Amino acid sequence: VGFCGGMSTFSHFTRETSDMMLAGDLV
């Protein structure tokens, strides 16, 4: 719960993905 939850990061992953989508890099 603690270590793996803190180590992994869904929020960072979604921010990077949305940045790529907004930049038009859908692939």
PDB file of all heavy atoms in Angstrom:
ATOM      1  N   VAL A   1       0.834  -1.204   0.000  1.00  0.00           N
ATOM      2  CA  VAL A   1       0.000   0.000   0.000  1.00  0.00           C
ATOM      3  C   VAL A   1       0.870   1.256   0.000  1.00  0.00           C
ATOM      4  O   VAL A   1       0.674   2.166  -0.808  1.00  0.00           O
ATOM      5  CB  VAL A   1      -0.960   0.005   1.216  1.00  0.00           C
ATOM      6  CG1 VAL A   1      -1.813   1.260   1.231  1.00  0.00           C
ATOM      7  CG2 VAL A   1      -1.837  -1.243   1.206  1.00  0.00           C
ATOM      8  N   GLY A   2       1.835   1.308   0.907  1.00  0.00           N
ATOM      9  CA  GLY A   2       2.654   2.510   1.069  1.00  0.00           C
ATOM     10  C   GLY A   2       3.731   2.663   0.006  1.00  0.00           C
ATOM     11  O   GLY A   2       3.673   3.574  -0.825  1.00  0.00           O
ATOM     12  N   PHE A   3       4.734   1.765   0.032  1.00  0.00           N
ATOM     13  CA  PHE A   3       5.885   1.931  -0.852  1.00  0.00           C
ATOM     14  C   PHE A   3       5.492   1.882  -2.332  1.00  0.00           C
ATOM     15  O   PHE A   3       5.840   2.777  -3.103  1.00  0.00           O
ATOM     16  CB  PHE A   3       6.960   0.873  -0.550  1.00  0.00           C
ATOM     17  CG  PHE A   3       8.215   1.093  -1.335  1.00  0.00           C
ATOM     18  CD1 PHE A   3       9.172   1.989  -0.882  1.00  0.00           C
ATOM     19  CD2 PHE A   3       8.439   0.433  -2.532  1.00  0.00           C
ATOM     20  CE1 PHE A   3      10.333   2.222  -1.617  1.00  0.00           C
ATOM     21  CE2 PHE A   3       9.585   0.659  -3.270  1.00  0.00           C
ATOM     22  CZ  PHE A   3      10.537   1.552  -2.806  1.00  0.00           C
ATOM     23  N   CYS A   4       4.773   0.828  -2.717  1.00  0.00           N
ATOM     24  CA  CYS A   4       4.405   0.709  -4.134  1.00  0.00           C
ATOM     25  C   CYS A   4       3.449   1.813  -4.565  1.00  0.00           C
ATOM     26  O   CYS A   4       3.541   2.319  -5.678  1.00  0.00           O
ATOM     27  CB  CYS A   4       3.802  -0.665  -4.407  1.00  0.00           C
ATOM     28  SG  CYS A   4       4.999  -2.008  -4.269  1.00  0.00           S
ATOM     29  N   GLY A   5       2.534   2.191  -3.655  1.00  0.00           N
ATOM     30  CA  GLY A   5       1.628   3.298  -3.961  1.00  0.00           C
ATOM     31  C   GLY A   5       2.368   4.611  -4.137  1.00  0.00           C
ATOM     32  O   GLY A   5       2.044   5.416  -5.007  1.00  0.00           O
ATOM     33  N   GLY A   6       3.387   4.834  -3.311  1.00  0.00           N
ATOM     34  CA  GLY A   6       4.173   6.057  -3.430  1.00  0.00           C
ATOM     35  C   GLY A   6       5.135   6.031  -4.601  1.00  0.00           C
ATOM     36  O   GLY A   6       5.384   7.045  -5.255  1.00  0.00           O
ATOM     37  N   MET A   7       5.683   4.855  -4.885  1.00  0.00           N
ATOM     38  CA  MET A   7       6.664   4.740  -5.970  1.00  0.00           C
ATOM     39  C   MET A   7       5.990   4.891  -7.339  1.00  0.00           C
ATOM     40  O   MET A   7       6.503   5.583  -8.216  1.00  0.00           O
ATOM     41  CB  MET A   7       7.387   3.405  -5.892  1.00  0.00           C
ATOM     42  CG  MET A   7       8.465   3.228  -6.926  1.00  0.00           C
ATOM     43  SD  MET A   7       9.291   1.649  -6.664  1.00  0.00           S
ATOM     44  CE  MET A   7      10.213   1.511  -8.172  1.00  0.00           C
ATOM     45  N   SER A   8       4.853   4.238  -7.499  1.00  0.00           N
ATOM     46  CA  SER A   8       4.151   4.360  -8.781  1.00  0.00           C
ATOM     47  C   SER A   8       3.388   5.680  -8.792  1.00  0.00           C
ATOM     48  O   SER A   8       3.094   6.244  -7.749  1.00  0.00           O
ATOM     49  CB  SER A   8       3.192   3.178  -8.981  1.00  0.00           C
ATOM     50  OG  SER A   8       2.217   3.166  -7.972  1.00  0.00           O
ATOM     51  N   THR A   9       3.093   6.148  -9.976  1.00  0.00           N
ATOM     52  CA  THR A   9       2.441   7.451 -10.037  1.00  0.00           C
ATOM     53  C   THR A   9       1.521   7.540 -11.239  1.00  0.00           C
ATOM     54  O   THR A   9       1.964   7.699 -12.373  1.00  0.00           O
ATOM     55  CB  THR A   9       3.472   8.596 -10.063  1.00  0.00           C
ATOM     56  OG1 THR A   9       2.784   9.819 -10.281  1.00  0.00           O
ATOM     57  CG2 THR A   9       4.544   8.423 -11.096  1.00  0.00           C
ATOM     58  N   PHE A  10       0.249   7.396 -10.975  1.00  0.00           N
ATOM     59  CA  PHE A  10      -0.742   7.516 -12.035  1.00  0.00           C
ATOM     60  C   PHE A  10      -0.897   8.972 -12.471  1.00  0.00           C
ATOM     61  O   PHE A  10      -1.066   9.261 -13.655  1.00  0.00           O
ATOM     62  CB  PHE A  10      -2.083   6.943 -11.577  1.00  0.00           C
ATOM     63  CG  PHE A  10      -3.094   6.864 -12.675  1.00  0.00           C
ATOM     64  CD1 PHE A  10      -2.979   5.889 -13.658  1.00  0.00           C
ATOM     65  CD2 PHE A  10      -4.140   7.764 -12.748  1.00  0.00           C
ATOM     66  CE1 PHE A  10      -3.905   5.816 -14.689  1.00  0.00           C
ATOM     67  CE2 PHE A  10      -5.065   7.699 -13.772  1.00  0.00           C
ATOM     68  CZ  PHE A  10      -4.953   6.722 -14.748  1.00  0.00           C
ATOM     69  N   SER A  11      -0.793   9.886 -11.530  1.00  0.00           N
ATOM     70  CA  SER A  11      -0.980  11.302 -11.860  1.00  0.00           C
ATOM     71  C   SER A  11       0.114  11.802 -12.809  1.00  0.00           C
ATOM     72  O   SER A  11      -0.166  12.546 -13.754  1.00  0.00           O
ATOM     73  CB  SER A  11      -1.036  12.153 -10.598  1.00  0.00           C
ATOM     74  OG  SER A  11       0.122  11.981  -9.826  1.00  0.00           O
ATOM     75  N   HIS A  12       1.360  11.418 -12.583  1.00  0.00           N
ATOM     76  CA  HIS A  12       2.458  11.840 -13.458  1.00  0.00           C
ATOM     77  C   HIS A  12       2.265  11.226 -14.850  1.00  0.00           C
ATOM     78  O   HIS A  12       2.451  11.892 -15.871  1.00  0.00           O
ATOM     79  CB  HIS A  12       3.798  11.414 -12.855  1.00  0.00           C
ATOM     80  CG  HIS A  12       4.980  12.035 -13.504  1.00  0.00           C
ATOM     81  ND1 HIS A  12       5.718  13.025 -12.905  1.00  0.00           N
ATOM     82  CD2 HIS A  12       5.550  11.832 -14.712  1.00  0.00           C
ATOM     83  CE1 HIS A  12       6.691  13.382 -13.712  1.00  0.00           C
ATOM     84  NE2 HIS A  12       6.603  12.671 -14.817  1.00  0.00           N
ATOM     85  N   PHE A  13       1.884   9.947 -14.870  1.00  0.00           N
ATOM     86  CA  PHE A  13       1.626   9.246 -16.119  1.00  0.00           C
ATOM     87  C   PHE A  13       0.523   9.953 -16.918  1.00  0.00           C
ATOM     88  O   PHE A  13       0.670  10.192 -18.124  1.00  0.00           O
ATOM     89  CB  PHE A  13       1.238   7.798 -15.802  1.00  0.00           C
ATOM     90  CG  PHE A  13       0.538   7.073 -16.898  1.00  0.00           C
ATOM     91  CD1 PHE A  13       1.227   6.658 -18.028  1.00  0.00           C
ATOM     92  CD2 PHE A  13      -0.816   6.787 -16.803  1.00  0.00           C
ATOM     93  CE1 PHE A  13       0.573   5.978 -19.048  1.00  0.00           C
ATOM     94  CE2 PHE A  13      -1.476   6.111 -17.810  1.00  0.00           C
ATOM     95  CZ  PHE A  13      -0.778   5.706 -18.933  1.00  0.00           C
ATOM     96  N   THR A  14      -0.577  10.329 -16.254  1.00  0.00           N
ATOM     97  CA  THR A  14      -1.665  10.983 -16.982  1.00  0.00           C
ATOM     98  C   THR A  14      -1.280  12.391 -17.435  1.00  0.00           C
ATOM     99  O   THR A  14      -1.704  12.824 -18.514  1.00  0.00           O
ATOM    100  CB  THR A  14      -2.960  11.038 -16.140  1.00  0.00           C
ATOM    101  OG1 THR A  14      -2.698  11.676 -14.894  1.00  0.00           O
ATOM    102  CG2 THR A  14      -3.516   9.654 -15.902  1.00  0.00           C
ATOM    103  N   ARG A  15      -0.479  13.091 -16.633  1.00  0.00           N
ATOM    104  CA  ARG A  15      -0.031  14.425 -17.053  1.00  0.00           C
ATOM    105  C   ARG A  15       0.836  14.324 -18.305  1.00  0.00           C
ATOM    106  O   ARG A  15       0.664  15.083 -19.264  1.00  0.00           O
ATOM    107  CB  ARG A  15       0.731  15.142 -15.946  1.00  0.00           C
ATOM    108  CG  ARG A  15       1.051  16.599 -16.333  1.00  0.00           C
ATOM    109  CD  ARG A  15       2.127  17.215 -15.491  1.00  0.00           C
ATOM    110  NE  ARG A  15       3.349  16.452 -15.429  1.00  0.00           N
ATOM    111  CZ  ARG A  15       4.302  16.439 -16.380  1.00  0.00           C
ATOM    112  NH1 ARG A  15       4.154  17.133 -17.482  1.00  0.00           N
ATOM    113  NH2 ARG A  15       5.395  15.735 -16.230  1.00  0.00           N
ATOM    114  N   GLU A  16       1.779  13.385 -18.302  1.00  0.00           N
ATOM    115  CA  GLU A  16       2.628  13.205 -19.483  1.00  0.00           C
ATOM    116  C   GLU A  16       1.791  12.831 -20.704  1.00  0.00           C
ATOM    117  O   GLU A  16       2.030  13.330 -21.805  1.00  0.00           O
ATOM    118  CB  GLU A  16       3.681  12.127 -19.237  1.00  0.00           C
ATOM    119  CG  GLU A  16       4.807  12.573 -18.341  1.00  0.00           C
ATOM    120  CD  GLU A  16       5.839  11.487 -18.121  1.00  0.00           C
ATOM    121  OE1 GLU A  16       5.587  10.303 -18.454  1.00  0.00           O
ATOM    122  OE2 GLU A  16       6.919  11.821 -17.610  1.00  0.00           O
ATOM    123  N   THR A  17       0.819  11.942 -20.501  1.00  0.00           N
ATOM    124  CA  THR A  17      -0.033  11.511 -21.611  1.00  0.00           C
ATOM    125  C   THR A  17      -0.865  12.677 -22.135  1.00  0.00           C
ATOM    126  O   THR A  17      -0.973  12.879 -23.354  1.00  0.00           O
ATOM    127  CB  THR A  17      -0.947  10.349 -21.167  1.00  0.00           C
ATOM    128  OG1 THR A  17      -0.132   9.289 -20.656  1.00  0.00           O
ATOM    129  CG2 THR A  17      -1.770   9.829 -22.330  1.00  0.00           C
ATOM    130  N   SER A  18      -1.435  13.470 -21.244  1.00  0.00           N
ATOM    131  CA  SER A  18      -2.231  14.616 -21.706  1.00  0.00           C
ATOM    132  C   SER A  18      -1.351  15.647 -22.409  1.00  0.00           C
ATOM    133  O   SER A  18      -1.779  16.257 -23.398  1.00  0.00           O
ATOM    134  CB  SER A  18      -3.015  15.249 -20.562  1.00  0.00           C
ATOM    135  OG  SER A  18      -2.166  15.843 -19.623  1.00  0.00           O
ATOM    136  N   ASP A  19      -0.118  15.834 -21.939  1.00  0.00           N
ATOM    137  CA  ASP A  19       0.811  16.745 -22.622  1.00  0.00           C
ATOM    138  C   ASP A  19       1.074  16.277 -24.054  1.00  0.00           C
ATOM    139  O   ASP A  19       1.097  17.090 -24.986  1.00  0.00           O
ATOM    140  CB  ASP A  19       2.141  16.854 -21.869  1.00  0.00           C
ATOM    141  CG  ASP A  19       2.050  17.691 -20.607  1.00  0.00           C
ATOM    142  OD1 ASP A  19       1.001  18.339 -20.383  1.00  0.00           O
ATOM    143  OD2 ASP A  19       3.042  17.684 -19.838  1.00  0.00           O
ATOM    144  N   MET A  20       1.278  14.963 -24.217  1.00  0.00           N
ATOM    145  CA  MET A  20       1.515  14.435 -25.563  1.00  0.00           C
ATOM    146  C   MET A  20       0.291  14.632 -26.443  1.00  0.00           C
ATOM    147  O   MET A  20       0.403  15.011 -27.614  1.00  0.00           O
ATOM    148  CB  MET A  20       1.888  12.948 -25.491  1.00  0.00           C
ATOM    149  CG  MET A  20       3.285  12.687 -24.956  1.00  0.00           C
ATOM    150  SD  MET A  20       3.701  10.935 -24.939  1.00  0.00           S
ATOM    151  CE  MET A  20       3.116  10.446 -23.326  1.00  0.00           C
ATOM    152  N   MET A  21      -0.892  14.393 -25.885  1.00  0.00           N
ATOM    153  CA  MET A  21      -2.121  14.556 -26.660  1.00  0.00           C
ATOM    154  C   MET A  21      -2.340  16.010 -27.048  1.00  0.00           C
ATOM    155  O   MET A  21      -2.686  16.306 -28.200  1.00  0.00           O
ATOM    156  CB  MET A  21      -3.313  14.018 -25.865  1.00  0.00           C
ATOM    157  CG  MET A  21      -3.262  12.515 -25.686  1.00  0.00           C
ATOM    158  SD  MET A  21      -4.546  11.886 -24.592  1.00  0.00           S
ATOM    159  CE  MET A  21      -5.990  12.205 -25.563  1.00  0.00           C
ATOM    160  N   LEU A  22      -2.116  16.920 -26.106  1.00  0.00           N
ATOM    161  CA  LEU A  22      -2.291  18.348 -26.401  1.00  0.00           C
ATOM    162  C   LEU A  22      -1.283  18.841 -27.433  1.00  0.00           C
ATOM    163  O   LEU A  22      -1.574  19.771 -28.192  1.00  0.00           O
ATOM    164  CB  LEU A  22      -2.184  19.172 -25.123  1.00  0.00           C
ATOM    165  CG  LEU A  22      -3.344  18.988 -24.137  1.00  0.00           C
ATOM    166  CD1 LEU A  22      -3.036  19.669 -22.806  1.00  0.00           C
ATOM    167  CD2 LEU A  22      -4.642  19.498 -24.737  1.00  0.00           C
ATOM    168  N   ALA A  23      -0.113  18.214 -27.466  1.00  0.00           N
ATOM    169  CA  ALA A  23       0.902  18.582 -28.454  1.00  0.00           C
ATOM    170  C   ALA A  23       0.632  17.929 -29.806  1.00  0.00           C
ATOM    171  O   ALA A  23       1.378  18.146 -30.757  1.00  0.00           O
ATOM    172  CB  ALA A  23       2.290  18.182 -27.944  1.00  0.00           C
ATOM    173  N   GLY A  24      -0.425  17.111 -29.887  1.00  0.00           N
ATOM    174  CA  GLY A  24      -0.774  16.462 -31.147  1.00  0.00           C
ATOM    175  C   GLY A  24      -0.040  15.164 -31.396  1.00  0.00           C
ATOM    176  O   GLY A  24      -0.151  14.596 -32.479  1.00  0.00           O
ATOM    177  N   ASP A  25       0.695  14.676 -30.412  1.00  0.00           N
ATOM    178  CA  ASP A  25       1.454  13.432 -30.581  1.00  0.00           C
ATOM    179  C   ASP A  25       0.629  12.254 -30.077  1.00  0.00           C
ATOM    180  O   ASP A  25       0.939  11.622 -29.065  1.00  0.00           O
ATOM    181  CB  ASP A  25       2.788  13.525 -29.828  1.00  0.00           C
ATOM    182  CG  ASP A  25       3.798  12.526 -30.347  1.00  0.00           C
ATOM    183  OD1 ASP A  25       3.404  11.618 -31.114  1.00  0.00           O
ATOM    184  OD2 ASP A  25       4.979  12.652 -29.983  1.00  0.00           O
ATOM    185  N   LEU A  26      -0.444  11.974 -30.809  1.00  0.00           N
ATOM    186  CA  LEU A  26      -1.395  10.946 -30.395  1.00  0.00           C
ATOM    187  C   LEU A  26      -0.807   9.543 -30.473  1.00  0.00           C
ATOM    188  O   LEU A  26      -1.142   8.694 -29.655  1.00  0.00           O
ATOM    189  CB  LEU A  26      -2.670  11.038 -31.229  1.00  0.00           C
ATOM    190  CG  LEU A  26      -3.423  12.368 -31.142  1.00  0.00           C
ATOM    191  CD1 LEU A  26      -4.660  12.346 -32.026  1.00  0.00           C
ATOM    192  CD2 LEU A  26      -3.772  12.694 -29.703  1.00  0.00           C
ATOM    193  N   VAL A  27       0.080   9.312 -31.432  1.00  0.00           N
ATOM    194  CA  VAL A  27       0.694   7.980 -31.552  1.00  0.00           C
ATOM    195  C   VAL A  27       1.561   7.691 -30.335  1.00  0.00           C
ATOM    196  O   VAL A  27       1.458   6.624 -29.723  1.00  0.00           O
ATOM    197  CB  VAL A  27       1.512   7.864 -32.865  1.00  0.00           C
ATOM    198  CG1 VAL A  27       2.322   6.575 -32.891  1.00  0.00           C
ATOM    199  CG2 VAL A  27       0.580   7.955 -34.068  1.00  0.00           C
TER     200      VAL A  27
END
